[in-house]
Amino acid sequence: METTFISIHDLSLDARLLYVSSSIEDILGYTPQEVTGKSCWDYFHPDEIPFARAIHGRGIKMDKAAALNYCQIKNRDGRWVGCECVFTVVHDVLVGCTSIYRRGKKSDSKCARN
C-alpha cells in the first residue's frame, strides 16, 4: 500500500487539482479522475481551510522553494486522515507531495519544529 501521492494544482485561489497520482486511491480512496478539476479545499478539514489558504497564498506570492505543513484530509469514507504535505511552486503550477502522517516520537518532534 502506498503512503504518498503527488498532486499538481493550478495557482488560482481554488487550487484546482490538475493531476493526481494513482496512489491517492490507496491513501484516500478516491480515483484520480474523481478529484481532478476540483478544488483541493473540498477535501480539507473546515477548521484548517483558512490557515491552509493563507499558506497557499503566501507560498505562491513568495515562490517558496518548499513548505511542509500538516493537515487533515477527508477520505472517500468521510473520515479525516492526518497528512503531511510538501508544496512547491514550479513554473506556473504548484506541485504537492502528500503523505500519511503517522504519529510517534520521531514525527511528533518533527511536527513541533514546524
N, C-alpha and C. Protein backbone atom coordinates (compact mmCIF):
# COMPACT_ATOMS: atom_id res chain seq x y z
N MET A 1 0.84 -1.19 0.00
CA MET A 1 0.00 0.00 0.00
C MET A 1 0.88 1.24 0.00
N GLU A 2 0.58 2.15 -0.89
CA GLU A 2 1.30 3.42 -0.97
C GLU A 2 0.94 4.31 0.21
N THR A 3 1.87 5.17 0.61
CA THR A 3 1.59 6.12 1.70
C THR A 3 1.78 7.56 1.26
N THR A 4 2.08 7.78 -0.03
CA THR A 4 2.32 9.12 -0.56
C THR A 4 1.67 9.25 -1.93
N PHE A 5 1.08 10.42 -2.19
CA PHE A 5 0.61 10.70 -3.55
C PHE A 5 1.09 12.09 -3.98
N ILE A 6 1.21 12.26 -5.27
CA ILE A 6 1.66 13.51 -5.88
C ILE A 6 0.46 14.22 -6.48
N SER A 7 0.43 15.54 -6.36
CA SER A 7 -0.64 16.32 -6.99
C SER A 7 -0.06 17.57 -7.63
N ILE A 8 -0.71 18.03 -8.66
CA ILE A 8 -0.35 19.29 -9.31
C ILE A 8 -1.60 20.15 -9.32
N HIS A 9 -1.45 21.39 -8.83
CA HIS A 9 -2.56 22.32 -8.67
C HIS A 9 -2.32 23.56 -9.53
N ASP A 10 -3.40 24.19 -9.97
CA ASP A 10 -3.23 25.48 -10.62
C ASP A 10 -2.94 26.52 -9.53
N LEU A 11 -2.58 27.73 -9.92
CA LEU A 11 -2.21 28.76 -8.95
C LEU A 11 -3.38 29.66 -8.57
N SER A 12 -4.59 29.25 -8.91
CA SER A 12 -5.77 30.04 -8.56
C SER A 12 -6.04 29.95 -7.05
N LEU A 13 -6.93 30.79 -6.56
CA LEU A 13 -7.32 30.75 -5.15
C LEU A 13 -7.99 29.42 -4.79
N ASP A 14 -8.61 28.78 -5.78
CA ASP A 14 -9.26 27.49 -5.55
C ASP A 14 -8.28 26.32 -5.52
N ALA A 15 -7.06 26.53 -6.00
CA ALA A 15 -6.04 25.47 -6.05
C ALA A 15 -6.62 24.20 -6.67
N ARG A 16 -7.15 24.34 -7.87
CA ARG A 16 -7.77 23.19 -8.55
C ARG A 16 -6.72 22.14 -8.89
N LEU A 17 -7.12 20.90 -8.73
CA LEU A 17 -6.24 19.77 -9.00
C LEU A 17 -6.18 19.50 -10.50
N LEU A 18 -4.98 19.58 -11.06
CA LEU A 18 -4.77 19.34 -12.48
C LEU A 18 -4.33 17.90 -12.73
N TYR A 19 -3.65 17.33 -11.76
CA TYR A 19 -3.14 15.96 -11.85
C TYR A 19 -3.03 15.39 -10.44
N VAL A 20 -3.35 14.11 -10.31
CA VAL A 20 -3.17 13.40 -9.04
C VAL A 20 -2.69 11.99 -9.38
N SER A 21 -1.64 11.54 -8.70
CA SER A 21 -1.12 10.20 -8.97
C SER A 21 -2.11 9.14 -8.50
N SER A 22 -2.01 7.97 -9.08
CA SER A 22 -2.95 6.88 -8.77
C SER A 22 -2.86 6.40 -7.33
N SER A 23 -1.77 6.69 -6.64
CA SER A 23 -1.63 6.25 -5.25
C SER A 23 -2.59 6.96 -4.31
N ILE A 24 -3.28 8.02 -4.79
CA ILE A 24 -4.31 8.65 -3.96
C ILE A 24 -5.40 7.63 -3.58
N GLU A 25 -5.59 6.66 -4.45
CA GLU A 25 -6.62 5.65 -4.18
C GLU A 25 -6.26 4.81 -2.95
N ASP A 26 -4.99 4.46 -2.79
CA ASP A 26 -4.54 3.72 -1.61
C ASP A 26 -4.68 4.54 -0.33
N ILE A 27 -4.48 5.84 -0.44
CA ILE A 27 -4.41 6.70 0.74
C ILE A 27 -5.78 7.24 1.14
N LEU A 28 -6.52 7.77 0.16
CA LEU A 28 -7.79 8.43 0.46
C LEU A 28 -9.01 7.73 -0.13
N GLY A 29 -8.79 6.78 -1.02
CA GLY A 29 -9.91 6.04 -1.59
C GLY A 29 -10.50 6.64 -2.85
N TYR A 30 -10.05 7.82 -3.26
CA TYR A 30 -10.54 8.45 -4.48
C TYR A 30 -9.71 8.01 -5.67
N THR A 31 -10.31 7.96 -6.84
CA THR A 31 -9.54 7.76 -8.07
C THR A 31 -9.06 9.14 -8.53
N PRO A 32 -7.97 9.19 -9.29
CA PRO A 32 -7.52 10.49 -9.80
C PRO A 32 -8.61 11.22 -10.60
N GLN A 33 -9.42 10.47 -11.33
CA GLN A 33 -10.48 11.08 -12.15
C GLN A 33 -11.54 11.76 -11.29
N GLU A 34 -11.79 11.24 -10.09
CA GLU A 34 -12.81 11.82 -9.20
C GLU A 34 -12.41 13.19 -8.67
N VAL A 35 -11.11 13.41 -8.47
CA VAL A 35 -10.67 14.67 -7.85
C VAL A 35 -10.09 15.67 -8.83
N THR A 36 -9.65 15.21 -10.00
CA THR A 36 -9.07 16.13 -10.98
C THR A 36 -10.11 17.16 -11.40
N GLY A 37 -9.70 18.43 -11.37
CA GLY A 37 -10.59 19.53 -11.73
C GLY A 37 -11.29 20.15 -10.53
N LYS A 38 -11.23 19.51 -9.38
CA LYS A 38 -11.88 20.04 -8.17
C LYS A 38 -10.88 20.84 -7.35
N SER A 39 -11.42 21.67 -6.48
CA SER A 39 -10.58 22.44 -5.56
C SER A 39 -10.05 21.53 -4.47
N CYS A 40 -8.78 21.66 -4.14
CA CYS A 40 -8.23 20.84 -3.06
C CYS A 40 -8.91 21.17 -1.73
N TRP A 41 -9.47 22.39 -1.61
CA TRP A 41 -10.13 22.80 -0.36
C TRP A 41 -11.38 21.97 -0.09
N ASP A 42 -11.92 21.31 -1.10
CA ASP A 42 -13.08 20.43 -0.90
C ASP A 42 -12.76 19.26 0.02
N TYR A 43 -11.48 18.98 0.21
CA TYR A 43 -11.07 17.81 0.97
C TYR A 43 -10.40 18.15 2.30
N PHE A 44 -10.16 19.43 2.55
CA PHE A 44 -9.53 19.86 3.80
C PHE A 44 -10.56 19.96 4.92
N HIS A 45 -10.11 19.72 6.15
CA HIS A 45 -10.97 19.90 7.32
C HIS A 45 -11.39 21.37 7.38
N PRO A 46 -12.68 21.66 7.61
CA PRO A 46 -13.16 23.05 7.60
C PRO A 46 -12.40 23.98 8.56
N ASP A 47 -11.98 23.47 9.70
CA ASP A 47 -11.25 24.30 10.66
C ASP A 47 -9.86 24.69 10.15
N GLU A 48 -9.34 23.92 9.21
CA GLU A 48 -7.97 24.16 8.72
C GLU A 48 -7.92 24.95 7.42
N ILE A 49 -9.06 25.15 6.79
CA ILE A 49 -9.06 25.82 5.48
C ILE A 49 -8.50 27.25 5.54
N PRO A 50 -8.89 28.09 6.50
CA PRO A 50 -8.32 29.45 6.49
C PRO A 50 -6.79 29.46 6.59
N PHE A 51 -6.23 28.62 7.46
CA PHE A 51 -4.78 28.54 7.60
C PHE A 51 -4.16 27.99 6.32
N ALA A 52 -4.75 26.93 5.76
CA ALA A 52 -4.21 26.32 4.54
C ALA A 52 -4.25 27.30 3.37
N ARG A 53 -5.33 28.06 3.26
CA ARG A 53 -5.42 29.06 2.18
C ARG A 53 -4.35 30.13 2.34
N ALA A 54 -4.11 30.54 3.58
CA ALA A 54 -3.08 31.56 3.83
C ALA A 54 -1.69 31.02 3.46
N ILE A 55 -1.40 29.79 3.83
CA ILE A 55 -0.11 29.17 3.49
C ILE A 55 0.02 29.06 1.96
N HIS A 56 -1.05 28.64 1.32
CA HIS A 56 -1.06 28.50 -0.14
C HIS A 56 -0.77 29.85 -0.81
N GLY A 57 -1.50 30.88 -0.40
CA GLY A 57 -1.31 32.21 -0.99
C GLY A 57 0.08 32.76 -0.75
N ARG A 58 0.58 32.59 0.47
CA ARG A 58 1.92 33.07 0.81
C ARG A 58 2.98 32.32 0.00
N GLY A 59 2.80 31.01 -0.14
CA GLY A 59 3.75 30.21 -0.90
C GLY A 59 3.82 30.64 -2.36
N ILE A 60 2.68 30.97 -2.94
CA ILE A 60 2.66 31.42 -4.34
C ILE A 60 3.29 32.79 -4.47
N LYS A 61 2.93 33.71 -3.57
CA LYS A 61 3.49 35.07 -3.65
C LYS A 61 5.00 35.08 -3.46
N MET A 62 5.48 34.26 -2.53
CA MET A 62 6.91 34.24 -2.23
C MET A 62 7.66 33.28 -3.13
N ASP A 63 6.92 32.51 -3.94
CA ASP A 63 7.53 31.49 -4.80
C ASP A 63 8.47 30.62 -3.97
N LYS A 64 7.92 30.12 -2.86
CA LYS A 64 8.68 29.33 -1.90
C LYS A 64 9.32 28.12 -2.55
N ALA A 65 10.51 27.79 -2.10
CA ALA A 65 11.19 26.60 -2.60
C ALA A 65 10.43 25.35 -2.17
N ALA A 66 10.00 25.31 -0.91
CA ALA A 66 9.19 24.19 -0.41
C ALA A 66 8.63 24.57 0.94
N ALA A 67 7.45 24.08 1.23
CA ALA A 67 6.82 24.33 2.52
C ALA A 67 6.22 23.03 3.03
N LEU A 68 6.49 22.69 4.29
CA LEU A 68 5.96 21.49 4.91
C LEU A 68 4.85 21.89 5.87
N ASN A 69 3.69 21.25 5.74
CA ASN A 69 2.55 21.55 6.60
C ASN A 69 1.82 20.26 6.94
N TYR A 70 1.09 20.30 8.04
CA TYR A 70 0.31 19.16 8.50
C TYR A 70 -1.16 19.52 8.43
N CYS A 71 -1.99 18.55 7.99
CA CYS A 71 -3.41 18.83 7.85
C CYS A 71 -4.21 17.54 7.93
N GLN A 72 -5.51 17.70 7.97
CA GLN A 72 -6.42 16.57 7.92
C GLN A 72 -7.16 16.64 6.58
N ILE A 73 -7.18 15.53 5.87
CA ILE A 73 -7.83 15.46 4.57
C ILE A 73 -8.90 14.39 4.63
N LYS A 74 -10.07 14.71 4.07
CA LYS A 74 -11.21 13.80 4.11
C LYS A 74 -11.03 12.68 3.09
N ASN A 75 -11.18 11.43 3.56
CA ASN A 75 -11.10 10.32 2.63
C ASN A 75 -12.49 10.03 2.05
N ARG A 76 -12.55 9.08 1.16
CA ARG A 76 -13.80 8.77 0.47
C ARG A 76 -14.91 8.35 1.43
N ASP A 77 -14.53 7.74 2.57
CA ASP A 77 -15.50 7.30 3.58
C ASP A 77 -15.95 8.42 4.51
N GLY A 78 -15.40 9.63 4.32
CA GLY A 78 -15.77 10.77 5.16
C GLY A 78 -14.96 10.90 6.43
N ARG A 79 -13.97 10.03 6.62
CA ARG A 79 -13.10 10.12 7.80
C ARG A 79 -11.93 11.04 7.49
N TRP A 80 -11.36 11.62 8.56
CA TRP A 80 -10.23 12.53 8.42
C TRP A 80 -8.93 11.76 8.56
N VAL A 81 -8.03 11.97 7.61
CA VAL A 81 -6.74 11.31 7.60
C VAL A 81 -5.67 12.37 7.86
N GLY A 82 -4.84 12.14 8.88
CA GLY A 82 -3.73 13.05 9.17
C GLY A 82 -2.67 12.92 8.08
N CYS A 83 -2.28 14.04 7.50
CA CYS A 83 -1.30 14.05 6.41
C CYS A 83 -0.25 15.11 6.63
N GLU A 84 0.92 14.87 6.06
CA GLU A 84 1.92 15.92 5.95
C GLU A 84 2.08 16.21 4.48
N CYS A 85 2.11 17.49 4.15
CA CYS A 85 2.13 17.93 2.75
C CYS A 85 3.33 18.83 2.51
N VAL A 86 4.02 18.58 1.44
CA VAL A 86 5.11 19.45 0.99
C VAL A 86 4.69 20.02 -0.35
N PHE A 87 4.69 21.34 -0.45
CA PHE A 87 4.29 22.01 -1.67
C PHE A 87 5.39 22.93 -2.16
N THR A 88 5.51 23.04 -3.46
CA THR A 88 6.46 23.97 -4.05
C THR A 88 5.90 24.48 -5.38
N VAL A 89 6.22 25.71 -5.71
CA VAL A 89 5.80 26.31 -6.98
C VAL A 89 6.85 25.96 -8.03
N VAL A 90 6.38 25.42 -9.15
CA VAL A 90 7.25 25.08 -10.27
C VAL A 90 6.64 25.71 -11.52
N HIS A 91 7.30 26.70 -12.05
CA HIS A 91 6.82 27.46 -13.21
C HIS A 91 5.43 28.02 -12.91
N ASP A 92 4.38 27.48 -13.53
CA ASP A 92 3.05 28.06 -13.37
C ASP A 92 2.08 27.10 -12.67
N VAL A 93 2.61 26.17 -11.88
CA VAL A 93 1.76 25.25 -11.11
C VAL A 93 2.36 25.05 -9.72
N LEU A 94 1.55 24.47 -8.85
CA LEU A 94 2.01 24.11 -7.51
C LEU A 94 2.06 22.59 -7.47
N VAL A 95 3.20 22.04 -7.09
CA VAL A 95 3.37 20.60 -7.01
C VAL A 95 3.36 20.20 -5.55
N GLY A 96 2.54 19.19 -5.23
CA GLY A 96 2.41 18.74 -3.86
C GLY A 96 2.75 17.28 -3.71
N CYS A 97 3.29 16.95 -2.56
CA CYS A 97 3.56 15.58 -2.17
C CYS A 97 2.88 15.38 -0.82
N THR A 98 1.87 14.54 -0.76
CA THR A 98 1.07 14.35 0.45
C THR A 98 1.27 12.92 0.96
N SER A 99 1.63 12.81 2.23
CA SER A 99 1.89 11.50 2.84
C SER A 99 1.02 11.32 4.08
N ILE A 100 0.72 10.07 4.38
CA ILE A 100 0.02 9.77 5.63
C ILE A 100 0.94 10.15 6.78
N TYR A 101 0.39 10.85 7.75
CA TYR A 101 1.15 11.29 8.92
C TYR A 101 0.95 10.26 10.02
N ARG A 102 2.00 9.58 10.35
CA ARG A 102 1.94 8.57 11.40
C ARG A 102 2.51 9.15 12.69
N ARG A 103 1.67 9.19 13.71
CA ARG A 103 2.10 9.75 14.99
C ARG A 103 3.11 8.83 15.65
N GLY A 104 4.06 9.45 16.29
CA GLY A 104 5.09 8.72 17.02
C GLY A 104 6.09 9.72 17.55
N LYS A 105 7.04 9.26 18.30
CA LYS A 105 8.03 10.16 18.92
C LYS A 105 8.78 10.97 17.86
N LYS A 106 9.24 10.30 16.80
CA LYS A 106 10.00 10.98 15.76
C LYS A 106 9.13 12.00 15.02
N SER A 107 7.92 11.60 14.65
CA SER A 107 7.06 12.51 13.89
C SER A 107 6.56 13.67 14.77
N ASP A 108 6.30 13.42 16.05
CA ASP A 108 5.87 14.50 16.94
C ASP A 108 6.96 15.56 17.08
N SER A 109 8.22 15.16 17.18
CA SER A 109 9.28 16.15 17.31
C SER A 109 9.45 16.92 16.01
N LYS A 110 9.28 16.26 14.87
CA LYS A 110 9.37 16.96 13.58
C LYS A 110 8.24 17.97 13.44
N CYS A 111 7.03 17.58 13.84
CA CYS A 111 5.87 18.46 13.76
C CYS A 111 6.06 19.68 14.67
N ALA A 112 6.61 19.48 15.85
CA ALA A 112 6.82 20.57 16.80
C ALA A 112 7.81 21.60 16.27
N ARG A 113 8.78 21.16 15.45
CA ARG A 113 9.76 22.09 14.88
C ARG A 113 9.14 22.96 13.80
N ASN A 114 8.08 22.49 13.14
CA ASN A 114 7.48 23.22 12.01
C ASN A 114 6.37 24.01 12.49
